[in-house]
Amino acid sequence: MTLVDLYAAHAATGQSPATLRTWIHRGELTRHGYDARGRALVDLHDVQALIAAKATPVAA
């Protein structure tokens, strides 16, 4: 598990912090607490997996 704040996740993946917050709110991404500055922490591997899953087309 690699916990990062939303801005570090953005730097690593290119996904905007606002989108990441939306995914947390929808329950698609798990928040793992907050850092010392009050920023939400997420697992970078979970973010990458969710991006990959959303990029995969759904078979009809």
N, C-alpha and C. Protein backbone atom coordinates (compact mmCIF):
# COMPACT_ATOMS: atom_id res chain seq x y z
N MET A 1 0.85 -1.17 0.00
CA MET A 1 0.00 0.00 0.00
C MET A 1 0.90 1.23 0.00
N THR A 2 0.62 2.13 -0.94
CA THR A 2 1.37 3.38 -1.02
C THR A 2 0.37 4.52 -0.84
N LEU A 3 0.31 5.08 0.37
CA LEU A 3 -0.63 6.15 0.65
C LEU A 3 -0.08 7.48 0.20
N VAL A 4 -0.88 8.21 -0.58
CA VAL A 4 -0.51 9.53 -1.07
C VAL A 4 -1.72 10.45 -0.97
N ASP A 5 -1.47 11.76 -0.95
CA ASP A 5 -2.60 12.69 -0.98
C ASP A 5 -3.10 12.81 -2.42
N LEU A 6 -4.21 13.48 -2.60
CA LEU A 6 -4.83 13.55 -3.92
C LEU A 6 -3.97 14.29 -4.94
N TYR A 7 -3.15 15.23 -4.47
CA TYR A 7 -2.30 15.98 -5.40
C TYR A 7 -1.13 15.13 -5.88
N ALA A 8 -0.60 14.28 -5.00
CA ALA A 8 0.46 13.35 -5.41
C ALA A 8 -0.12 12.29 -6.35
N ALA A 9 -1.34 11.85 -6.07
CA ALA A 9 -2.01 10.89 -6.96
C ALA A 9 -2.22 11.53 -8.33
N HIS A 10 -2.57 12.80 -8.35
CA HIS A 10 -2.73 13.52 -9.61
C HIS A 10 -1.42 13.58 -10.37
N ALA A 11 -0.33 13.89 -9.68
CA ALA A 11 0.99 13.97 -10.32
C ALA A 11 1.41 12.62 -10.89
N ALA A 12 1.04 11.54 -10.21
CA ALA A 12 1.45 10.21 -10.65
C ALA A 12 0.58 9.66 -11.78
N THR A 13 -0.70 10.07 -11.81
CA THR A 13 -1.62 9.45 -12.77
C THR A 13 -2.21 10.42 -13.79
N GLY A 14 -2.18 11.70 -13.50
CA GLY A 14 -2.78 12.68 -14.39
C GLY A 14 -4.27 12.88 -14.15
N GLN A 15 -4.85 12.12 -13.22
CA GLN A 15 -6.27 12.25 -12.91
C GLN A 15 -6.45 13.43 -11.96
N SER A 16 -7.42 14.29 -12.22
CA SER A 16 -7.57 15.50 -11.42
C SER A 16 -7.99 15.18 -9.98
N PRO A 17 -7.53 16.01 -9.02
CA PRO A 17 -7.95 15.81 -7.63
C PRO A 17 -9.47 15.87 -7.46
N ALA A 18 -10.14 16.71 -8.25
CA ALA A 18 -11.60 16.79 -8.15
C ALA A 18 -12.26 15.47 -8.53
N THR A 19 -11.75 14.83 -9.57
CA THR A 19 -12.29 13.53 -9.98
C THR A 19 -12.03 12.49 -8.90
N LEU A 20 -10.85 12.52 -8.31
CA LEU A 20 -10.53 11.57 -7.24
C LEU A 20 -11.46 11.78 -6.05
N ARG A 21 -11.76 13.04 -5.70
CA ARG A 21 -12.68 13.31 -4.62
C ARG A 21 -14.08 12.77 -4.94
N THR A 22 -14.49 12.91 -6.19
CA THR A 22 -15.78 12.38 -6.63
C THR A 22 -15.82 10.87 -6.47
N TRP A 23 -14.75 10.20 -6.88
CA TRP A 23 -14.70 8.74 -6.75
C TRP A 23 -14.76 8.32 -5.28
N ILE A 24 -14.12 9.09 -4.39
CA ILE A 24 -14.20 8.80 -2.96
C ILE A 24 -15.65 8.96 -2.49
N HIS A 25 -16.27 10.05 -2.89
CA HIS A 25 -17.66 10.33 -2.49
C HIS A 25 -18.61 9.24 -2.98
N ARG A 26 -18.38 8.73 -4.18
CA ARG A 26 -19.24 7.67 -4.75
C ARG A 26 -18.94 6.29 -4.19
N GLY A 27 -17.85 6.17 -3.43
CA GLY A 27 -17.47 4.87 -2.87
C GLY A 27 -16.65 4.01 -3.82
N GLU A 28 -16.20 4.59 -4.93
CA GLU A 28 -15.39 3.84 -5.88
C GLU A 28 -13.93 3.78 -5.44
N LEU A 29 -13.54 4.69 -4.57
CA LEU A 29 -12.16 4.79 -4.09
C LEU A 29 -12.22 4.97 -2.58
N THR A 30 -11.34 4.27 -1.86
CA THR A 30 -11.34 4.33 -0.41
C THR A 30 -10.36 5.37 0.10
N ARG A 31 -10.86 6.21 1.00
CA ARG A 31 -9.99 7.17 1.68
C ARG A 31 -9.39 6.47 2.90
N HIS A 32 -8.08 6.59 3.06
CA HIS A 32 -7.38 5.95 4.17
C HIS A 32 -6.92 6.98 5.18
N GLY A 33 -7.84 7.82 5.64
CA GLY A 33 -7.52 8.83 6.62
C GLY A 33 -7.01 10.12 5.99
N TYR A 34 -6.33 10.91 6.83
CA TYR A 34 -5.85 12.22 6.41
C TYR A 34 -4.40 12.38 6.83
N ASP A 35 -3.67 13.23 6.10
CA ASP A 35 -2.29 13.51 6.51
C ASP A 35 -2.29 14.63 7.55
N ALA A 36 -1.11 15.07 7.97
CA ALA A 36 -0.98 16.08 9.01
C ALA A 36 -1.59 17.43 8.60
N ARG A 37 -1.72 17.65 7.29
CA ARG A 37 -2.29 18.90 6.80
C ARG A 37 -3.79 18.78 6.50
N GLY A 38 -4.37 17.64 6.82
CA GLY A 38 -5.80 17.44 6.63
C GLY A 38 -6.20 17.01 5.23
N ARG A 39 -5.23 16.60 4.41
CA ARG A 39 -5.53 16.16 3.05
C ARG A 39 -5.86 14.68 3.06
N ALA A 40 -6.86 14.31 2.26
CA ALA A 40 -7.29 12.91 2.16
C ALA A 40 -6.15 12.07 1.59
N LEU A 41 -6.00 10.85 2.12
CA LEU A 41 -5.00 9.91 1.64
C LEU A 41 -5.68 8.75 0.94
N VAL A 42 -5.12 8.36 -0.20
CA VAL A 42 -5.61 7.22 -0.97
C VAL A 42 -4.43 6.32 -1.31
N ASP A 43 -4.74 5.06 -1.59
CA ASP A 43 -3.71 4.12 -2.01
C ASP A 43 -3.46 4.33 -3.51
N LEU A 44 -2.24 4.65 -3.88
CA LEU A 44 -1.90 4.93 -5.27
C LEU A 44 -2.22 3.73 -6.16
N HIS A 45 -2.01 2.53 -5.65
CA HIS A 45 -2.29 1.32 -6.44
C HIS A 45 -3.80 1.20 -6.73
N ASP A 46 -4.63 1.58 -5.75
CA ASP A 46 -6.08 1.57 -5.96
C ASP A 46 -6.49 2.58 -7.02
N VAL A 47 -5.86 3.75 -7.00
CA VAL A 47 -6.16 4.78 -8.00
C VAL A 47 -5.81 4.28 -9.39
N GLN A 48 -4.63 3.70 -9.52
CA GLN A 48 -4.19 3.19 -10.83
C GLN A 48 -5.11 2.07 -11.31
N ALA A 49 -5.52 1.19 -10.41
CA ALA A 49 -6.41 0.08 -10.79
C ALA A 49 -7.78 0.60 -11.21
N LEU A 50 -8.29 1.61 -10.52
CA LEU A 50 -9.59 2.17 -10.87
C LEU A 50 -9.53 2.87 -12.23
N ILE A 51 -8.47 3.60 -12.49
CA ILE A 51 -8.29 4.24 -13.80
C ILE A 51 -8.25 3.19 -14.90
N ALA A 52 -7.52 2.12 -14.68
CA ALA A 52 -7.43 1.04 -15.67
C ALA A 52 -8.79 0.39 -15.89
N ALA A 53 -9.54 0.17 -14.81
CA ALA A 53 -10.86 -0.45 -14.93
C ALA A 53 -11.82 0.44 -15.69
N LYS A 54 -11.75 1.73 -15.48
CA LYS A 54 -12.64 2.67 -16.18
C LYS A 54 -12.26 2.80 -17.64
N ALA A 55 -11.00 2.54 -17.97
CA ALA A 55 -10.54 2.65 -19.36
C ALA A 55 -10.88 1.41 -20.18
N THR A 56 -11.15 0.30 -19.49
CA THR A 56 -11.46 -0.96 -20.17
C THR A 56 -12.90 -0.93 -20.67
N PRO A 57 -13.10 -1.12 -21.98
CA PRO A 57 -14.48 -1.12 -22.50
C PRO A 57 -15.28 -2.30 -21.98
N VAL A 58 -16.54 -2.07 -21.76
CA VAL A 58 -17.43 -3.11 -21.26
C VAL A 58 -18.01 -3.85 -22.46
N ALA A 59 -17.89 -5.17 -22.44
CA ALA A 59 -18.41 -6.00 -23.54
C ALA A 59 -19.94 -6.01 -23.48
N ALA A 60 -20.56 -5.90 -24.63
CA ALA A 60 -22.05 -5.88 -24.66
C ALA A 60 -22.62 -7.27 -24.77
